[in-house]
Amino acid sequence: MSIDHHRVLAPHTIRFCPLCGAPLAPEPVPPDHREQQVCTRCRFIFFLNPKVVAAT
C-alpha cells in the first residue's frame, strides 16, 4: 500500500501553537505588519518564511 499524500506547510494548514497547543490566528506583525500566524495564548509567532540574516 502506497500513500502518495504531500504535506504542505502553508498558513491555512498551521492551526495550533507548537509551544502550548492553543489556536493560532492571523495577525499583522511588526516591523512590516505582514500577516503571520500568532498564538492566541502565549503570543508565539509562527514565521513560515523567515529570512536568513547575517551581521558582522
PDB file of N, CA and C in Angstrom:
ATOM      1  N   MET A   1       0.847  -1.171   0.000  1.00  0.00           N
ATOM      2  CA  MET A   1       0.000   0.000   0.000  1.00  0.00           C
ATOM      3  C   MET A   1       0.893   1.234   0.000  1.00  0.00           C
ATOM      4  N   SER A   2       0.677   2.095  -0.961  1.00  0.00           N
ATOM      5  CA  SER A   2       1.479   3.301  -1.094  1.00  0.00           C
ATOM      6  C   SER A   2       0.606   4.539  -0.903  1.00  0.00           C
ATOM      7  N   ILE A   3       1.017   5.383   0.006  1.00  0.00           N
ATOM      8  CA  ILE A   3       0.307   6.642   0.222  1.00  0.00           C
ATOM      9  C   ILE A   3       1.110   7.741  -0.436  1.00  0.00           C
ATOM     10  N   ASP A   4       0.480   8.488  -1.304  1.00  0.00           N
ATOM     11  CA  ASP A   4       1.180   9.489  -2.088  1.00  0.00           C
ATOM     12  C   ASP A   4       0.733  10.904  -1.714  1.00  0.00           C
ATOM     13  N   HIS A   5       0.439  11.116  -0.428  1.00  0.00           N
ATOM     14  CA  HIS A   5      -0.008  12.433   0.021  1.00  0.00           C
ATOM     15  C   HIS A   5       1.203  13.298   0.341  1.00  0.00           C
ATOM     16  N   HIS A   6       1.133  14.554  -0.052  1.00  0.00           N
ATOM     17  CA  HIS A   6       2.190  15.504   0.273  1.00  0.00           C
ATOM     18  C   HIS A   6       1.655  16.467   1.319  1.00  0.00           C
ATOM     19  N   ARG A   7       2.419  16.647   2.381  1.00  0.00           N
ATOM     20  CA  ARG A   7       2.012  17.599   3.407  1.00  0.00           C
ATOM     21  C   ARG A   7       2.566  18.962   3.047  1.00  0.00           C
ATOM     22  N   VAL A   8       1.698  19.931   3.036  1.00  0.00           N
ATOM     23  CA  VAL A   8       2.083  21.280   2.654  1.00  0.00           C
ATOM     24  C   VAL A   8       2.126  22.155   3.897  1.00  0.00           C
ATOM     25  N   LEU A   9       3.238  22.848   4.078  1.00  0.00           N
ATOM     26  CA  LEU A   9       3.370  23.780   5.181  1.00  0.00           C
ATOM     27  C   LEU A   9       2.963  25.152   4.661  1.00  0.00           C
ATOM     28  N   ALA A  10       1.728  25.531   4.941  1.00  0.00           N
ATOM     29  CA  ALA A  10       1.173  26.797   4.468  1.00  0.00           C
ATOM     30  C   ALA A  10       0.341  27.409   5.592  1.00  0.00           C
ATOM     31  N   PRO A  11       0.074  28.705   5.526  1.00  0.00           N
ATOM     32  CA  PRO A  11      -0.684  29.351   6.605  1.00  0.00           C
ATOM     33  C   PRO A  11      -2.018  28.673   6.923  1.00  0.00           C
ATOM     34  N   HIS A  12      -2.721  28.172   5.922  1.00  0.00           N
ATOM     35  CA  HIS A  12      -4.017  27.544   6.185  1.00  0.00           C
ATOM     36  C   HIS A  12      -3.896  26.134   6.769  1.00  0.00           C
ATOM     37  N   THR A  13      -2.694  25.541   6.776  1.00  0.00           N
ATOM     38  CA  THR A  13      -2.520  24.206   7.346  1.00  0.00           C
ATOM     39  C   THR A  13      -1.987  24.244   8.773  1.00  0.00           C
ATOM     40  N   ILE A  14      -1.456  25.382   9.203  1.00  0.00           N
ATOM     41  CA  ILE A  14      -0.933  25.525  10.564  1.00  0.00           C
ATOM     42  C   ILE A  14      -2.057  26.074  11.425  1.00  0.00           C
ATOM     43  N   ARG A  15      -2.551  25.273  12.366  1.00  0.00           N
ATOM     44  CA  ARG A  15      -3.718  25.690  13.149  1.00  0.00           C
ATOM     45  C   ARG A  15      -3.447  25.837  14.630  1.00  0.00           C
ATOM     46  N   PHE A  16      -2.394  25.160  15.161  1.00  0.00           N
ATOM     47  CA  PHE A  16      -2.155  25.188  16.598  1.00  0.00           C
ATOM     48  C   PHE A  16      -0.703  25.531  16.914  1.00  0.00           C
ATOM     49  N   CYS A  17      -0.500  26.171  18.054  1.00  0.00           N
ATOM     50  CA  CYS A  17       0.826  26.595  18.503  1.00  0.00           C
ATOM     51  C   CYS A  17       1.695  25.376  18.816  1.00  0.00           C
ATOM     52  N   PRO A  18       2.940  25.336  18.324  1.00  0.00           N
ATOM     53  CA  PRO A  18       3.825  24.216  18.633  1.00  0.00           C
ATOM     54  C   PRO A  18       4.343  24.262  20.073  1.00  0.00           C
ATOM     55  N   LEU A  19       4.190  25.390  20.768  1.00  0.00           N
ATOM     56  CA  LEU A  19       4.672  25.514  22.147  1.00  0.00           C
ATOM     57  C   LEU A  19       3.611  25.158  23.185  1.00  0.00           C
ATOM     58  N   CYS A  20       2.396  25.704  23.030  1.00  0.00           N
ATOM     59  CA  CYS A  20       1.384  25.498  24.074  1.00  0.00           C
ATOM     60  C   CYS A  20       0.121  24.790  23.578  1.00  0.00           C
ATOM     61  N   GLY A  21      -0.047  24.644  22.270  1.00  0.00           N
ATOM     62  CA  GLY A  21      -1.193  23.931  21.722  1.00  0.00           C
ATOM     63  C   GLY A  21      -2.448  24.760  21.516  1.00  0.00           C
ATOM     64  N   ALA A  22      -2.399  26.048  21.833  1.00  0.00           N
ATOM     65  CA  ALA A  22      -3.563  26.920  21.636  1.00  0.00           C
ATOM     66  C   ALA A  22      -3.747  27.222  20.150  1.00  0.00           C
ATOM     67  N   PRO A  23      -4.928  27.662  19.764  1.00  0.00           N
ATOM     68  CA  PRO A  23      -5.157  28.005  18.352  1.00  0.00           C
ATOM     69  C   PRO A  23      -4.307  29.190  17.902  1.00  0.00           C
ATOM     70  N   LEU A  24      -3.929  29.170  16.624  1.00  0.00           N
ATOM     71  CA  LEU A  24      -3.220  30.298  16.020  1.00  0.00           C
ATOM     72  C   LEU A  24      -4.229  31.157  15.270  1.00  0.00           C
ATOM     73  N   ALA A  25      -3.924  32.450  15.186  1.00  0.00           N
ATOM     74  CA  ALA A  25      -4.784  33.378  14.454  1.00  0.00           C
ATOM     75  C   ALA A  25      -3.903  34.296  13.623  1.00  0.00           C
ATOM     76  N   PRO A  26      -4.329  34.646  12.412  1.00  0.00           N
ATOM     77  CA  PRO A  26      -3.541  35.565  11.588  1.00  0.00           C
ATOM     78  C   PRO A  26      -3.602  36.982  12.164  1.00  0.00           C
ATOM     79  N   GLU A  27      -2.407  37.588  12.337  1.00  0.00           N
ATOM     80  CA  GLU A  27      -2.315  38.961  12.844  1.00  0.00           C
ATOM     81  C   GLU A  27      -1.158  39.663  12.159  1.00  0.00           C
ATOM     82  N   PRO A  28      -1.255  40.985  11.981  1.00  0.00           N
ATOM     83  CA  PRO A  28      -0.122  41.741  11.446  1.00  0.00           C
ATOM     84  C   PRO A  28       0.981  41.818  12.498  1.00  0.00           C
ATOM     85  N   VAL A  29       2.225  41.562  12.072  1.00  0.00           N
ATOM     86  CA  VAL A  29       3.362  41.531  12.995  1.00  0.00           C
ATOM     87  C   VAL A  29       4.369  42.613  12.599  1.00  0.00           C
ATOM     88  N   PRO A  30       4.802  43.450  13.571  1.00  0.00           N
ATOM     89  CA  PRO A  30       5.820  44.474  13.270  1.00  0.00           C
ATOM     90  C   PRO A  30       7.129  43.819  12.856  1.00  0.00           C
ATOM     91  N   PRO A  31       8.022  44.463  12.170  1.00  0.00           N
ATOM     92  CA  PRO A  31       8.017  45.885  11.831  1.00  0.00           C
ATOM     93  C   PRO A  31       7.286  46.186  10.526  1.00  0.00           C
ATOM     94  N   ASP A  32       7.085  45.195   9.661  1.00  0.00           N
ATOM     95  CA  ASP A  32       6.466  45.474   8.355  1.00  0.00           C
ATOM     96  C   ASP A  32       4.962  45.191   8.335  1.00  0.00           C
ATOM     97  N   HIS A  33       4.425  44.703   9.451  1.00  0.00           N
ATOM     98  CA  HIS A  33       2.994  44.423   9.619  1.00  0.00           C
ATOM     99  C   HIS A  33       2.455  43.414   8.608  1.00  0.00           C
ATOM    100  N   ARG A  34       3.325  42.469   8.221  1.00  0.00           N
ATOM    101  CA  ARG A  34       2.856  41.359   7.380  1.00  0.00           C
ATOM    102  C   ARG A  34       2.086  40.395   8.266  1.00  0.00           C
ATOM    103  N   GLU A  35       1.068  39.772   7.709  1.00  0.00           N
ATOM    104  CA  GLU A  35       0.243  38.858   8.475  1.00  0.00           C
ATOM    105  C   GLU A  35       0.979  37.540   8.697  1.00  0.00           C
ATOM    106  N   GLN A  36       1.054  37.126   9.965  1.00  0.00           N
ATOM    107  CA  GLN A  36       1.674  35.861  10.358  1.00  0.00           C
ATOM    108  C   GLN A  36       0.716  35.143  11.299  1.00  0.00           C
ATOM    109  N   GLN A  37       0.936  33.858  11.498  1.00  0.00           N
ATOM    110  CA  GLN A  37       0.140  33.095  12.452  1.00  0.00           C
ATOM    111  C   GLN A  37       0.687  33.349  13.858  1.00  0.00           C
ATOM    112  N   VAL A  38      -0.172  33.838  14.773  1.00  0.00           N
ATOM    113  CA  VAL A  38       0.237  34.187  16.133  1.00  0.00           C
ATOM    114  C   VAL A  38      -0.614  33.386  17.111  1.00  0.00           C
ATOM    115  N   CYS A  39       0.036  32.850  18.148  1.00  0.00           N
ATOM    116  CA  CYS A  39      -0.673  32.074  19.160  1.00  0.00           C
ATOM    117  C   CYS A  39      -1.599  32.988  19.965  1.00  0.00           C
ATOM    118  N   THR A  40      -2.821  32.531  20.185  1.00  0.00           N
ATOM    119  CA  THR A  40      -3.795  33.320  20.933  1.00  0.00           C
ATOM    120  C   THR A  40      -3.534  33.286  22.435  1.00  0.00           C
ATOM    121  N   ARG A  41      -2.696  32.361  22.918  1.00  0.00           N
ATOM    122  CA  ARG A  41      -2.404  32.270  24.347  1.00  0.00           C
ATOM    123  C   ARG A  41      -1.021  32.811  24.686  1.00  0.00           C
ATOM    124  N   CYS A  42       0.036  32.240  24.103  1.00  0.00           N
ATOM    125  CA  CYS A  42       1.403  32.612  24.510  1.00  0.00           C
ATOM    126  C   CYS A  42       2.047  33.652  23.594  1.00  0.00           C
ATOM    127  N   ARG A  43       1.354  34.034  22.505  1.00  0.00           N
ATOM    128  CA  ARG A  43       1.797  35.063  21.562  1.00  0.00           C
ATOM    129  C   ARG A  43       3.010  34.638  20.725  1.00  0.00           C
ATOM    130  N   PHE A  44       3.306  33.348  20.643  1.00  0.00           N
ATOM    131  CA  PHE A  44       4.368  32.834  19.781  1.00  0.00           C
ATOM    132  C   PHE A  44       4.024  33.165  18.336  1.00  0.00           C
ATOM    133  N   ILE A  45       5.003  33.646  17.575  1.00  0.00           N
ATOM    134  CA  ILE A  45       4.786  33.983  16.167  1.00  0.00           C
ATOM    135  C   ILE A  45       5.359  32.856  15.314  1.00  0.00           C
ATOM    136  N   PHE A  46       4.512  32.243  14.502  1.00  0.00           N
ATOM    137  CA  PHE A  46       4.927  31.146  13.636  1.00  0.00           C
ATOM    138  C   PHE A  46       5.276  31.726  12.270  1.00  0.00           C
ATOM    139  N   PHE A  47       6.563  31.988  12.059  1.00  0.00           N
ATOM    140  CA  PHE A  47       7.023  32.536  10.785  1.00  0.00           C
ATOM    141  C   PHE A  47       7.181  31.398   9.782  1.00  0.00           C
ATOM    142  N   LEU A  48       6.475  31.466   8.675  1.00  0.00           N
ATOM    143  CA  LEU A  48       6.571  30.423   7.660  1.00  0.00           C
ATOM    144  C   LEU A  48       7.671  30.686   6.650  1.00  0.00           C
ATOM    145  N   ASN A  49       8.126  31.922   6.551  1.00  0.00           N
ATOM    146  CA  ASN A  49       9.162  32.259   5.587  1.00  0.00           C
ATOM    147  C   ASN A  49      10.205  33.168   6.238  1.00  0.00           C
ATOM    148  N   PRO A  50      10.923  32.656   7.231  1.00  0.00           N
ATOM    149  CA  PRO A  50      11.928  33.515   7.864  1.00  0.00           C
ATOM    150  C   PRO A  50      13.077  33.803   6.905  1.00  0.00           C
ATOM    151  N   LYS A  51      13.592  34.983   6.978  1.00  0.00           N
ATOM    152  CA  LYS A  51      14.721  35.382   6.136  1.00  0.00           C
ATOM    153  C   LYS A  51      16.024  35.104   6.880  1.00  0.00           C
ATOM    154  N   VAL A  52      17.025  34.662   6.149  1.00  0.00           N
ATOM    155  CA  VAL A  52      18.338  34.428   6.727  1.00  0.00           C
ATOM    156  C   VAL A  52      19.050  35.772   6.810  1.00  0.00           C
ATOM    157  N   VAL A  53      19.574  36.074   7.995  1.00  0.00           N
ATOM    158  CA  VAL A  53      20.235  37.357   8.211  1.00  0.00           C
ATOM    159  C   VAL A  53      21.592  37.099   8.838  1.00  0.00           C
ATOM    160  N   ALA A  54      22.587  37.827   8.371  1.00  0.00           N
ATOM    161  CA  ALA A  54      23.928  37.744   8.957  1.00  0.00           C
ATOM    162  C   ALA A  54      24.403  39.154   9.268  1.00  0.00           C
ATOM    163  N   ALA A  55      25.067  39.296  10.386  1.00  0.00           N
ATOM    164  CA  ALA A  55      25.595  40.608  10.779  1.00  0.00           C
ATOM    165  C   ALA A  55      27.056  40.446  11.167  1.00  0.00           C
ATOM    166  N   THR A  56      27.815  41.495  10.929  1.00  0.00           N
ATOM    167  CA  THR A  56      29.231  41.456  11.313  1.00  0.00           C
ATOM    168  C   THR A  56      29.550  42.584  12.248  1.00  0.00           C
TER     169      THR A  56
END
